[in-house]
Amino acid sequence: MRSKAIVVYFKPIESDKIVKRLKEITDQEKVYIENEVLVKIAEITGCDIRGSLSILEYICRSKKQNNANPKGTFLSIKNLSAN
């Protein structure tokens, strides 16, 4: 399949750009998440934008559903990723 596909390589996205975008999203969604948590999301995902957005979505949904502490939710995700 690779012989018929075009492989496109992207430059890695800088951590600060991911954090900035995640902050824009949380502001737009009116969900407060500390900057420290957004930085950790970028770190855990290796600055992968899709992974960062997935974790952010999970945290935002959890927070909206039961007003969970995002740091607690983040620590749960961090523990899962360590296994």
Protein backbone atom coordinates (compact mmCIF):
# COMPACT_ATOMS: atom_id res chain seq x y z
CA MET A 1 0.00 0.00 0.00
CA ARG A 2 2.87 2.39 0.78
CA SER A 3 4.07 2.14 -2.81
CA LYS A 4 0.79 3.67 -3.99
CA ALA A 5 0.51 6.28 -1.24
CA ILE A 6 2.21 9.59 -0.83
CA VAL A 7 3.94 9.90 2.52
CA VAL A 8 3.78 13.41 3.93
CA TYR A 9 6.03 14.37 6.79
CA PHE A 10 5.19 17.29 9.04
CA LYS A 11 7.56 19.26 11.22
CA PRO A 12 6.91 18.68 14.92
CA ILE A 13 4.73 21.32 16.53
CA GLU A 14 6.35 23.30 19.32
CA SER A 15 4.95 22.76 22.80
CA ASP A 16 4.11 26.43 23.34
CA LYS A 17 2.00 26.48 20.16
CA ILE A 18 0.01 23.46 21.31
CA VAL A 19 -0.53 24.98 24.75
CA LYS A 20 -1.65 28.25 23.16
CA ARG A 21 -4.19 26.43 20.98
CA LEU A 22 -5.48 24.34 23.88
CA LYS A 23 -5.93 27.56 25.89
CA GLU A 24 -7.89 29.13 23.03
CA ILE A 25 -10.18 26.10 22.97
CA THR A 26 -10.75 26.09 26.73
CA ASP A 27 -11.52 29.81 26.65
CA GLN A 28 -13.99 29.31 23.81
CA GLU A 29 -15.64 26.39 25.62
CA LYS A 30 -15.67 28.39 28.87
CA VAL A 31 -13.83 25.64 30.74
CA TYR A 32 -11.10 26.71 33.15
CA ILE A 33 -8.05 24.46 33.11
CA GLU A 34 -4.77 25.59 34.63
CA ASN A 35 -1.93 26.33 32.23
CA GLU A 36 0.21 23.76 34.06
CA VAL A 37 -2.24 21.04 33.03
CA LEU A 38 -2.18 22.18 29.39
CA VAL A 39 1.63 22.06 29.39
CA LYS A 40 1.55 18.53 30.82
CA ILE A 41 -0.92 17.44 28.14
CA ALA A 42 1.50 18.62 25.45
CA GLU A 43 4.38 16.84 27.20
CA ILE A 44 2.55 13.53 27.66
CA THR A 45 1.51 13.39 24.03
CA GLY A 46 4.97 14.28 22.74
CA CYS A 47 3.49 17.44 21.20
CA ASP A 48 1.02 15.41 19.15
CA ILE A 49 -1.91 17.71 18.38
CA ARG A 50 -4.43 14.90 17.93
CA GLY A 51 -3.47 13.28 21.20
CA SER A 52 -3.54 16.63 22.97
CA LEU A 53 -7.00 17.42 21.65
CA SER A 54 -8.28 13.98 22.65
CA ILE A 55 -7.05 14.38 26.23
CA LEU A 56 -8.39 17.93 26.40
CA GLU A 57 -11.79 16.76 25.16
CA TYR A 58 -11.86 14.03 27.79
CA ILE A 59 -10.97 16.49 30.56
CA CYS A 60 -13.53 19.06 29.37
CA ARG A 61 -16.31 16.48 29.18
CA SER A 62 -15.45 15.13 32.62
CA LYS A 63 -15.35 18.63 34.06
CA LYS A 64 -18.68 19.61 32.50
CA GLN A 65 -20.41 16.39 33.56
CA ASN A 66 -19.41 16.31 37.20
CA ASN A 67 -17.36 19.45 37.77
CA ALA A 68 -14.28 17.27 38.24
CA ASN A 69 -10.93 18.71 39.19
CA PRO A 70 -8.90 18.78 35.94
CA LYS A 71 -5.67 18.08 37.83
CA GLY A 72 -7.20 14.91 39.27
CA THR A 73 -8.46 13.87 35.84
CA PHE A 74 -5.07 14.65 34.33
CA LEU A 75 -3.26 12.58 36.96
CA SER A 76 -5.53 9.65 36.12
CA ILE A 77 -4.62 9.96 32.44
CA LYS A 78 -0.93 10.29 33.32
CA ASN A 79 -1.09 7.12 35.41
CA LEU A 80 -2.74 5.25 32.55
CA SER A 81 -0.11 6.39 30.09
CA ALA A 82 2.67 5.22 32.43
CA ASN A 83 1.45 1.62 32.29
